[in-house]
Amino acid sequence: MIFWELFKMFFVVGLVSFGGGYSIMPIIEHDVIKHGWMTTQEFTNIIAVAGMSPGPIAANSAILVGYSIAGITGSIISALGILLPSIILVLIVASFFLKLNHYPIVKSMFYGLRPIVTSLILFAAIRFAISNNIVSFNFTWHTLSLLLVFVCSLVALLKFHWHPAYIIVLSGLVGIALYS
């Protein structure tokens, strides 16, 4: 029964996931907490590992969530669940997209999806920051140092155009120095 629930949950998530993996994190989080499969903190830890792992975060998170809930079989079922809708939809869309792309209604639909995708990604980032005490109204040294690492990372990405891998490694080293 757990395998069917995992497949069904990730199939639905895969079916409605517009805007990439980060935009669907709130949906996955809601479902795994609703089912009682994991806590917010456990889910946040999985997303951190999934985000740092090579490959798409949606597939990585499905595999890690599936594994933590039902082992290897759970990870395979979850991966199939989240990837199958994309494969089916991409094949269908690819066959029609070139024929329909020039219609104004199609262009308008994709233009209209941009704000919701952006808001879902921002929502996921805010939830992640709150659950990890990065954003808090309790200004302790710990909170301020996390906020400083965040701001420095953002500046390195936006102003200096550093490669994200360098920022991840450097942030990890700063974490070891500050929090060990």
Protein backbone atom coordinates (compact mmCIF):
# COMPACT_ATOMS: atom_id res chain seq x y z
CA MET A 1 0.00 0.00 0.00
CA ILE A 2 2.84 2.43 0.83
CA PHE A 3 4.31 1.88 -2.64
CA TRP A 4 1.04 2.83 -4.30
CA GLU A 5 0.75 5.94 -2.09
CA LEU A 6 4.31 6.99 -2.95
CA PHE A 7 3.78 6.42 -6.67
CA LYS A 8 0.44 8.24 -6.69
CA MET A 9 1.78 11.21 -4.71
CA PHE A 10 4.85 11.67 -6.88
CA PHE A 11 2.90 11.05 -10.10
CA VAL A 12 0.50 13.88 -9.20
CA VAL A 13 3.42 16.11 -8.18
CA GLY A 14 5.19 15.30 -11.44
CA LEU A 15 2.02 16.00 -13.39
CA VAL A 16 1.48 19.49 -11.96
CA SER A 17 5.10 20.58 -11.55
CA PHE A 18 5.64 23.71 -13.57
CA GLY A 19 8.77 25.74 -13.06
CA GLY A 20 11.25 23.13 -11.99
CA GLY A 21 12.02 21.19 -8.88
CA TYR A 22 12.17 23.97 -6.32
CA SER A 23 8.69 25.14 -7.17
CA ILE A 24 7.23 21.74 -6.21
CA MET A 25 8.98 21.39 -2.87
CA PRO A 26 6.04 22.90 -0.94
CA ILE A 27 3.71 20.33 -2.52
CA ILE A 28 5.96 17.39 -1.64
CA GLU A 29 6.50 18.76 1.87
CA HIS A 30 2.76 19.13 2.41
CA ASP A 31 2.08 15.57 1.28
CA VAL A 32 4.83 13.83 3.26
CA ILE A 33 3.86 15.69 6.42
CA LYS A 34 0.14 15.04 5.83
CA HIS A 35 0.85 11.30 5.50
CA GLY A 36 3.01 11.42 8.63
CA TRP A 37 6.00 10.03 6.73
CA MET A 38 8.43 12.65 8.01
CA THR A 39 8.72 15.94 9.87
CA THR A 40 9.46 19.33 8.34
CA GLN A 41 13.03 19.13 9.63
CA GLU A 42 13.57 15.67 8.13
CA PHE A 43 12.16 16.86 4.82
CA THR A 44 14.37 19.98 4.91
CA ASN A 45 17.44 17.82 5.45
CA ILE A 46 16.49 15.64 2.48
CA ILE A 47 16.01 18.70 0.28
CA ALA A 48 19.42 20.02 1.31
CA VAL A 49 21.04 16.74 0.22
CA ALA A 50 18.92 16.58 -2.95
CA GLY A 51 19.87 20.14 -3.87
CA MET A 52 23.58 19.47 -3.48
CA SER A 53 23.47 16.18 -5.38
CA PRO A 54 24.04 16.06 -9.13
CA GLY A 55 20.88 15.89 -11.19
CA PRO A 56 17.44 17.47 -11.03
CA ILE A 57 16.27 18.26 -7.52
CA ALA A 58 12.76 16.92 -8.18
CA ALA A 59 14.04 13.45 -9.06
CA ASN A 60 16.67 13.55 -6.31
CA SER A 61 14.14 14.53 -3.67
CA ALA A 62 11.67 11.87 -4.85
CA ILE A 63 14.39 9.23 -4.65
CA LEU A 64 15.54 10.35 -1.19
CA VAL A 65 12.00 10.66 0.19
CA GLY A 66 11.08 7.27 -1.26
CA TYR A 67 14.22 5.71 0.20
CA SER A 68 13.65 7.17 3.66
CA ILE A 69 10.06 5.93 3.68
CA ALA A 70 10.33 2.52 1.99
CA GLY A 71 13.95 1.72 1.15
CA ILE A 72 15.30 0.95 -2.32
CA THR A 73 11.91 -0.12 -3.69
CA GLY A 74 10.38 3.11 -2.38
CA SER A 75 13.06 5.17 -4.10
CA ILE A 76 12.50 3.39 -7.44
CA ILE A 77 8.71 3.74 -7.20
CA SER A 78 9.01 7.43 -6.26
CA ALA A 79 11.43 8.12 -9.10
CA LEU A 80 9.08 6.44 -11.59
CA GLY A 81 6.16 8.38 -10.16
CA ILE A 82 7.78 11.78 -10.55
CA LEU A 83 9.45 11.11 -13.92
CA LEU A 84 6.68 9.29 -15.78
CA PRO A 85 4.34 12.31 -16.12
CA SER A 86 7.18 14.43 -17.48
CA ILE A 87 8.13 11.81 -20.04
CA ILE A 88 4.52 11.42 -21.18
CA LEU A 89 3.83 15.18 -21.25
CA VAL A 90 7.07 16.04 -23.03
CA LEU A 91 6.34 13.50 -25.74
CA ILE A 92 2.81 14.84 -26.19
CA VAL A 93 3.82 18.50 -26.05
CA ALA A 94 6.77 17.99 -28.37
CA SER A 95 4.50 16.50 -30.99
CA PHE A 96 2.15 19.51 -30.89
CA PHE A 97 4.29 22.42 -29.67
CA LEU A 98 5.80 23.39 -33.00
CA LYS A 99 2.33 23.41 -34.51
CA LEU A 100 0.76 25.45 -31.68
CA ASN A 101 3.59 27.73 -30.52
CA HIS A 102 2.65 30.61 -32.80
CA TYR A 103 -0.89 30.95 -31.38
CA PRO A 104 -1.28 33.96 -29.05
CA ILE A 105 -3.29 31.96 -26.50
CA VAL A 106 -0.42 29.48 -26.10
CA LYS A 107 2.11 32.29 -25.69
CA SER A 108 -0.20 34.00 -23.18
CA MET A 109 -0.62 30.79 -21.18
CA PHE A 110 3.14 30.33 -20.79
CA TYR A 111 3.57 34.02 -19.99
CA GLY A 112 0.86 33.72 -17.33
CA LEU A 113 2.61 30.76 -15.68
CA ARG A 114 5.79 32.75 -14.99
CA PRO A 115 4.55 34.63 -11.88
CA ILE A 116 3.18 31.52 -10.17
CA VAL A 117 6.39 29.61 -10.81
CA THR A 118 8.39 32.48 -9.34
CA SER A 119 6.12 32.68 -6.30
CA LEU A 120 6.33 28.92 -5.70
CA ILE A 121 10.14 29.05 -5.81
CA LEU A 122 10.17 32.05 -3.46
CA PHE A 123 7.70 30.32 -1.13
CA ALA A 124 9.92 27.21 -1.02
CA ALA A 125 12.97 29.36 -0.25
CA ILE A 126 11.19 31.22 2.55
CA ARG A 127 9.84 27.99 4.09
CA PHE A 128 13.31 26.45 3.89
CA ALA A 129 14.85 29.53 5.53
CA ILE A 130 12.27 29.64 8.32
CA SER A 131 12.51 25.91 9.09
CA ASN A 132 16.31 26.20 9.32
CA ASN A 133 16.19 29.32 11.50
CA ILE A 134 17.87 31.41 8.80
CA VAL A 135 14.95 33.83 8.86
CA SER A 136 13.80 34.55 12.37
CA PHE A 137 12.70 37.45 14.48
CA ASN A 138 14.86 36.16 17.29
CA PHE A 139 18.19 37.80 16.41
CA THR A 140 20.83 35.64 18.01
CA TRP A 141 24.45 35.29 16.88
CA HIS A 142 23.46 32.03 15.19
CA THR A 143 20.64 33.66 13.19
CA LEU A 144 22.76 36.65 12.23
CA SER A 145 25.66 34.45 11.11
CA LEU A 146 23.32 32.34 8.94
CA LEU A 147 21.88 35.52 7.45
CA LEU A 148 25.40 36.81 6.76
CA VAL A 149 26.35 33.57 4.96
CA PHE A 150 23.13 33.88 2.93
CA VAL A 151 23.80 37.51 1.96
CA CYS A 152 27.44 36.83 1.08
CA SER A 153 26.42 33.84 -1.04
CA LEU A 154 23.78 35.87 -2.84
CA VAL A 155 26.24 38.70 -3.52
CA ALA A 156 28.83 36.21 -4.80
CA LEU A 157 26.24 34.79 -7.19
CA LEU A 158 24.66 38.03 -8.41
CA LYS A 159 27.50 40.55 -8.36
CA PHE A 160 30.65 38.48 -8.78
CA HIS A 161 29.09 35.68 -10.85
CA TRP A 162 30.86 32.94 -8.88
CA HIS A 163 30.11 29.39 -9.82
CA PRO A 164 27.54 27.88 -7.41
CA ALA A 165 29.85 24.93 -6.68
CA TYR A 166 32.47 27.31 -5.23
CA ILE A 167 29.84 28.96 -3.06
CA ILE A 168 28.57 25.59 -1.81
CA VAL A 169 32.09 24.46 -0.87
CA LEU A 170 32.96 27.81 0.72
CA SER A 171 29.68 27.90 2.66
CA GLY A 172 30.32 24.39 3.92
CA LEU A 173 33.78 25.42 5.12
CA VAL A 174 32.34 28.51 6.80
CA GLY A 175 29.73 26.26 8.44
CA ILE A 176 32.47 24.00 9.78
CA ALA A 177 34.40 27.01 11.10
CA LEU A 178 31.41 28.71 12.71
CA TYR A 179 29.26 25.85 13.97
CA SER A 180 31.67 23.03 14.93
